[in-house]
Amino acid sequence: MKLTKWDPVDYLETPQDAAAYLNAALELGDRQTFVDALGDVARAKSLGKIAKTTGLSRESLYRSLSAAGNPQFSTVERVLDALGLALRVEPKEGAQASEPEAPCASALAG
């Protein structure tokens, strides 16, 4: 019997698959796990296509999303956008909201 290495890329067929995989990586709370997962999703959709869409070189993407990579947040945003995915922030379960001093929208508007 021949064993083959399991590769998550073989199972990331839809945007829903990719989102679930990335969310699971985020829930683990380890930055490198998320970067690795993002690299897997990018490989599943073709690093060449992602590079072309983001305007980044394939080599730069490969390095950024490798085990030794440390991508800038802007790179993560561009890759997620090219994949048709969005990053969202939600309160942790059981987190208590504090009373804001100013409405969030006005704070962002500057």
N, C-alpha and C. Protein backbone atom coordinates (compact mmCIF):
# COMPACT_ATOMS: atom_id res chain seq x y z
N MET A 1 0.83 -1.17 0.00
CA MET A 1 0.00 0.00 0.00
C MET A 1 0.89 1.24 0.00
N LYS A 2 0.58 2.17 -0.89
CA LYS A 2 1.35 3.40 -1.00
C LYS A 2 0.58 4.53 -0.30
N LEU A 3 1.27 5.25 0.56
CA LEU A 3 0.67 6.38 1.25
C LEU A 3 1.08 7.67 0.54
N THR A 4 0.16 8.58 0.48
CA THR A 4 0.47 9.89 -0.09
C THR A 4 0.25 10.95 0.97
N LYS A 5 0.99 12.02 0.86
CA LYS A 5 0.86 13.13 1.80
C LYS A 5 -0.46 13.85 1.58
N TRP A 6 -1.16 14.12 2.67
CA TRP A 6 -2.42 14.85 2.58
C TRP A 6 -2.12 16.32 2.28
N ASP A 7 -2.82 16.88 1.30
CA ASP A 7 -2.63 18.28 0.94
C ASP A 7 -3.99 18.97 0.96
N PRO A 8 -4.17 19.96 1.82
CA PRO A 8 -5.46 20.64 1.90
C PRO A 8 -5.88 21.28 0.58
N VAL A 9 -4.92 21.59 -0.26
CA VAL A 9 -5.21 22.21 -1.56
C VAL A 9 -6.20 21.35 -2.36
N ASP A 10 -6.11 20.04 -2.19
CA ASP A 10 -6.98 19.13 -2.93
C ASP A 10 -8.44 19.24 -2.51
N TYR A 11 -8.71 19.91 -1.38
CA TYR A 11 -10.07 19.98 -0.85
C TYR A 11 -10.64 21.39 -0.81
N LEU A 12 -9.90 22.35 -1.30
CA LEU A 12 -10.34 23.75 -1.28
C LEU A 12 -10.93 24.11 -2.64
N GLU A 13 -12.15 23.67 -2.87
CA GLU A 13 -12.75 23.81 -4.19
C GLU A 13 -13.64 25.04 -4.35
N THR A 14 -14.24 25.51 -3.26
CA THR A 14 -15.17 26.63 -3.35
C THR A 14 -14.74 27.76 -2.43
N PRO A 15 -15.28 28.96 -2.65
CA PRO A 15 -14.98 30.06 -1.71
C PRO A 15 -15.42 29.72 -0.28
N GLN A 16 -16.49 28.94 -0.14
CA GLN A 16 -16.96 28.53 1.18
C GLN A 16 -15.93 27.61 1.85
N ASP A 17 -15.34 26.70 1.07
CA ASP A 17 -14.29 25.83 1.61
C ASP A 17 -13.11 26.67 2.10
N ALA A 18 -12.71 27.62 1.27
CA ALA A 18 -11.56 28.47 1.60
C ALA A 18 -11.85 29.30 2.85
N ALA A 19 -13.05 29.87 2.93
CA ALA A 19 -13.41 30.69 4.08
C ALA A 19 -13.43 29.85 5.36
N ALA A 20 -13.99 28.66 5.29
CA ALA A 20 -14.04 27.79 6.48
C ALA A 20 -12.63 27.41 6.92
N TYR A 21 -11.77 27.11 5.98
CA TYR A 21 -10.39 26.72 6.27
C TYR A 21 -9.63 27.88 6.91
N LEU A 22 -9.77 29.08 6.35
CA LEU A 22 -9.08 30.25 6.89
C LEU A 22 -9.63 30.63 8.26
N ASN A 23 -10.95 30.54 8.44
CA ASN A 23 -11.53 30.84 9.75
C ASN A 23 -11.06 29.86 10.81
N ALA A 24 -10.96 28.58 10.44
CA ALA A 24 -10.45 27.58 11.39
C ALA A 24 -9.01 27.92 11.77
N ALA A 25 -8.21 28.35 10.81
CA ALA A 25 -6.82 28.73 11.10
C ALA A 25 -6.79 29.95 12.02
N LEU A 26 -7.65 30.92 11.79
CA LEU A 26 -7.70 32.10 12.65
C LEU A 26 -8.10 31.74 14.07
N GLU A 27 -9.03 30.82 14.21
CA GLU A 27 -9.50 30.42 15.55
C GLU A 27 -8.40 29.79 16.39
N LEU A 28 -7.40 29.22 15.74
CA LEU A 28 -6.29 28.63 16.49
C LEU A 28 -5.42 29.70 17.15
N GLY A 29 -5.53 30.95 16.66
CA GLY A 29 -4.83 32.06 17.30
C GLY A 29 -3.35 32.16 17.01
N ASP A 30 -2.88 31.43 16.02
CA ASP A 30 -1.46 31.45 15.67
C ASP A 30 -1.29 32.10 14.31
N ARG A 31 -0.54 33.19 14.25
CA ARG A 31 -0.37 33.93 13.01
C ARG A 31 0.18 33.05 11.89
N GLN A 32 1.18 32.23 12.18
CA GLN A 32 1.80 31.42 11.13
C GLN A 32 0.83 30.38 10.59
N THR A 33 -0.04 29.86 11.42
CA THR A 33 -1.05 28.91 10.94
C THR A 33 -1.95 29.58 9.92
N PHE A 34 -2.33 30.83 10.18
CA PHE A 34 -3.16 31.56 9.22
C PHE A 34 -2.40 31.83 7.93
N VAL A 35 -1.14 32.25 8.03
CA VAL A 35 -0.33 32.51 6.83
C VAL A 35 -0.18 31.23 6.01
N ASP A 36 0.07 30.12 6.69
CA ASP A 36 0.18 28.84 5.98
C ASP A 36 -1.13 28.49 5.28
N ALA A 37 -2.24 28.68 5.97
CA ALA A 37 -3.55 28.38 5.38
C ALA A 37 -3.84 29.29 4.19
N LEU A 38 -3.48 30.57 4.30
CA LEU A 38 -3.68 31.49 3.19
C LEU A 38 -2.84 31.06 1.99
N GLY A 39 -1.63 30.59 2.25
CA GLY A 39 -0.79 30.06 1.18
C GLY A 39 -1.42 28.84 0.52
N ASP A 40 -2.03 27.97 1.32
CA ASP A 40 -2.72 26.80 0.76
C ASP A 40 -3.87 27.22 -0.15
N VAL A 41 -4.66 28.18 0.31
CA VAL A 41 -5.79 28.65 -0.49
C VAL A 41 -5.30 29.30 -1.78
N ALA A 42 -4.24 30.09 -1.69
CA ALA A 42 -3.68 30.74 -2.88
C ALA A 42 -3.16 29.69 -3.86
N ARG A 43 -2.50 28.64 -3.35
CA ARG A 43 -2.02 27.56 -4.23
C ARG A 43 -3.19 26.84 -4.90
N ALA A 44 -4.28 26.67 -4.15
CA ALA A 44 -5.45 25.98 -4.71
C ALA A 44 -6.05 26.77 -5.88
N LYS A 45 -5.94 28.08 -5.83
CA LYS A 45 -6.49 28.93 -6.89
C LYS A 45 -5.45 29.35 -7.90
N SER A 46 -4.20 28.93 -7.74
CA SER A 46 -3.08 29.22 -8.62
C SER A 46 -2.38 30.51 -8.20
N LEU A 47 -1.18 30.34 -7.70
CA LEU A 47 -0.38 31.50 -7.30
C LEU A 47 -0.15 32.45 -8.46
N GLY A 48 -0.02 31.90 -9.66
CA GLY A 48 0.18 32.75 -10.84
C GLY A 48 -1.01 33.68 -11.07
N LYS A 49 -2.21 33.15 -10.95
CA LYS A 49 -3.41 33.99 -11.12
C LYS A 49 -3.54 35.01 -10.01
N ILE A 50 -3.25 34.58 -8.78
CA ILE A 50 -3.32 35.51 -7.64
C ILE A 50 -2.29 36.62 -7.83
N ALA A 51 -1.08 36.26 -8.25
CA ALA A 51 -0.03 37.26 -8.48
C ALA A 51 -0.48 38.27 -9.52
N LYS A 52 -1.04 37.78 -10.60
CA LYS A 52 -1.48 38.68 -11.68
C LYS A 52 -2.57 39.64 -11.18
N THR A 53 -3.53 39.11 -10.43
CA THR A 53 -4.63 39.92 -9.92
C THR A 53 -4.16 40.94 -8.89
N THR A 54 -3.22 40.56 -8.04
CA THR A 54 -2.75 41.46 -6.98
C THR A 54 -1.69 42.45 -7.46
N GLY A 55 -1.05 42.12 -8.58
CA GLY A 55 0.05 42.96 -9.05
C GLY A 55 1.37 42.64 -8.36
N LEU A 56 1.39 41.57 -7.58
CA LEU A 56 2.61 41.14 -6.92
C LEU A 56 3.27 40.04 -7.75
N SER A 57 4.57 39.89 -7.62
CA SER A 57 5.23 38.82 -8.37
C SER A 57 4.91 37.48 -7.71
N ARG A 58 4.93 36.44 -8.52
CA ARG A 58 4.67 35.10 -8.02
C ARG A 58 5.70 34.72 -6.96
N GLU A 59 6.95 35.07 -7.21
CA GLU A 59 8.02 34.76 -6.27
C GLU A 59 7.81 35.47 -4.93
N SER A 60 7.40 36.73 -5.00
CA SER A 60 7.15 37.50 -3.78
C SER A 60 6.00 36.89 -2.98
N LEU A 61 4.95 36.49 -3.68
CA LEU A 61 3.81 35.85 -3.00
C LEU A 61 4.24 34.53 -2.37
N TYR A 62 4.98 33.75 -3.12
CA TYR A 62 5.42 32.45 -2.62
C TYR A 62 6.25 32.63 -1.36
N ARG A 63 7.16 33.60 -1.36
CA ARG A 63 7.99 33.88 -0.18
C ARG A 63 7.14 34.37 0.99
N SER A 64 6.25 35.30 0.72
CA SER A 64 5.42 35.88 1.78
C SER A 64 4.53 34.84 2.45
N LEU A 65 4.03 33.90 1.65
CA LEU A 65 3.07 32.92 2.17
C LEU A 65 3.73 31.59 2.54
N SER A 66 5.05 31.56 2.57
CA SER A 66 5.78 30.34 2.93
C SER A 66 5.86 30.21 4.45
N ALA A 67 6.39 29.08 4.90
CA ALA A 67 6.54 28.85 6.34
C ALA A 67 7.43 29.90 7.00
N ALA A 68 8.38 30.45 6.25
CA ALA A 68 9.27 31.48 6.79
C ALA A 68 8.77 32.88 6.48
N GLY A 69 7.63 32.98 5.80
CA GLY A 69 7.12 34.27 5.36
C GLY A 69 6.52 35.10 6.49
N ASN A 70 6.51 36.38 6.25
CA ASN A 70 5.92 37.33 7.19
C ASN A 70 5.25 38.42 6.37
N PRO A 71 4.09 38.10 5.74
CA PRO A 71 3.48 39.06 4.82
C PRO A 71 2.97 40.31 5.53
N GLN A 72 3.06 41.41 4.82
CA GLN A 72 2.48 42.64 5.33
C GLN A 72 0.96 42.51 5.29
N PHE A 73 0.28 43.27 6.12
CA PHE A 73 -1.17 43.21 6.16
C PHE A 73 -1.76 43.57 4.80
N SER A 74 -1.14 44.51 4.11
CA SER A 74 -1.64 44.89 2.78
C SER A 74 -1.56 43.72 1.80
N THR A 75 -0.55 42.87 1.95
CA THR A 75 -0.44 41.68 1.09
C THR A 75 -1.57 40.71 1.41
N VAL A 76 -1.84 40.51 2.68
CA VAL A 76 -2.94 39.63 3.09
C VAL A 76 -4.25 40.16 2.52
N GLU A 77 -4.48 41.45 2.64
CA GLU A 77 -5.70 42.06 2.09
C GLU A 77 -5.82 41.84 0.58
N ARG A 78 -4.72 42.06 -0.13
CA ARG A 78 -4.75 41.91 -1.59
C ARG A 78 -5.00 40.47 -2.01
N VAL A 79 -4.39 39.53 -1.30
CA VAL A 79 -4.60 38.12 -1.62
C VAL A 79 -6.04 37.72 -1.33
N LEU A 80 -6.56 38.11 -0.17
CA LEU A 80 -7.96 37.80 0.15
C LEU A 80 -8.90 38.39 -0.89
N ASP A 81 -8.65 39.62 -1.31
CA ASP A 81 -9.48 40.26 -2.33
C ASP A 81 -9.42 39.49 -3.64
N ALA A 82 -8.23 39.07 -4.04
CA ALA A 82 -8.07 38.31 -5.28
C ALA A 82 -8.79 36.96 -5.21
N LEU A 83 -8.91 36.43 -4.00
CA LEU A 83 -9.61 35.16 -3.80
C LEU A 83 -11.12 35.34 -3.66
N GLY A 84 -11.56 36.60 -3.64
CA GLY A 84 -12.99 36.87 -3.47
C GLY A 84 -13.44 36.68 -2.03
N LEU A 85 -12.50 36.89 -1.09
CA LEU A 85 -12.79 36.72 0.33
C LEU A 85 -12.58 38.03 1.06
N ALA A 86 -13.19 38.14 2.23
CA ALA A 86 -13.06 39.35 3.04
C ALA A 86 -12.72 38.95 4.47
N LEU A 87 -11.97 39.79 5.14
CA LEU A 87 -11.63 39.59 6.54
C LEU A 87 -12.62 40.39 7.38
N ARG A 88 -13.18 39.76 8.38
CA ARG A 88 -14.15 40.41 9.26
C ARG A 88 -13.71 40.25 10.71
N VAL A 89 -14.14 41.18 11.54
CA VAL A 89 -13.86 41.11 12.96
C VAL A 89 -15.18 41.01 13.70
N GLU A 90 -15.24 40.07 14.64
CA GLU A 90 -16.44 39.88 15.45
C GLU A 90 -16.02 39.84 16.91
N PRO A 91 -16.91 40.23 17.80
CA PRO A 91 -16.57 40.10 19.22
C PRO A 91 -16.45 38.63 19.60
N LYS A 92 -15.55 38.34 20.51
CA LYS A 92 -15.41 36.99 21.02
C LYS A 92 -16.67 36.64 21.80
N GLU A 93 -16.99 35.35 21.79
CA GLU A 93 -18.16 34.90 22.53
C GLU A 93 -17.98 35.24 24.01
N GLY A 94 -18.98 35.85 24.58
CA GLY A 94 -18.93 36.23 25.99
C GLY A 94 -18.24 37.54 26.26
N ALA A 95 -17.72 38.21 25.22
CA ALA A 95 -17.03 39.49 25.43
C ALA A 95 -18.06 40.56 25.80
N GLN A 96 -17.71 41.35 26.78
CA GLN A 96 -18.58 42.43 27.23
C GLN A 96 -18.24 43.70 26.47
N ALA A 97 -19.25 44.33 25.93
CA ALA A 97 -19.04 45.59 25.20
C ALA A 97 -18.92 46.72 26.21
N SER A 98 -17.97 47.62 25.96
CA SER A 98 -17.86 48.81 26.81
C SER A 98 -18.55 49.96 26.09
N GLU A 99 -18.94 50.93 26.83
CA GLU A 99 -19.64 52.09 26.27
C GLU A 99 -18.62 52.95 25.52
N PRO A 100 -18.77 53.10 24.19
CA PRO A 100 -17.82 53.93 23.45
C PRO A 100 -18.00 55.41 23.77
N GLU A 101 -16.90 56.14 23.74
CA GLU A 101 -16.97 57.57 23.98
C GLU A 101 -17.50 58.32 22.77
N ALA A 102 -17.24 57.79 21.58
CA ALA A 102 -17.70 58.42 20.34
C ALA A 102 -18.17 57.31 19.41
N PRO A 103 -19.15 57.63 18.56
CA PRO A 103 -19.60 56.61 17.61
C PRO A 103 -18.46 56.16 16.71
N CYS A 104 -18.43 54.88 16.40
CA CYS A 104 -17.35 54.31 15.59
C CYS A 104 -17.25 54.94 14.21
N ALA A 105 -18.39 55.18 13.56
CA ALA A 105 -18.35 55.73 12.22
C ALA A 105 -17.69 57.11 12.20
N SER A 106 -18.00 57.93 13.19
CA SER A 106 -17.40 59.26 13.20
C SER A 106 -15.91 59.17 13.52
N ALA A 107 -15.52 58.20 14.32
CA ALA A 107 -14.10 58.03 14.63
C ALA A 107 -13.32 57.63 13.39
N LEU A 108 -13.89 56.80 12.55
CA LEU A 108 -13.21 56.38 11.33
C LEU A 108 -13.18 57.48 10.29
N ALA A 109 -14.20 58.32 10.28
CA ALA A 109 -14.28 59.38 9.29
C ALA A 109 -13.22 60.45 9.53
N GLY A 110 -12.72 60.50 10.75
CA GLY A 110 -11.62 61.40 11.09
C GLY A 110 -12.03 62.79 11.14
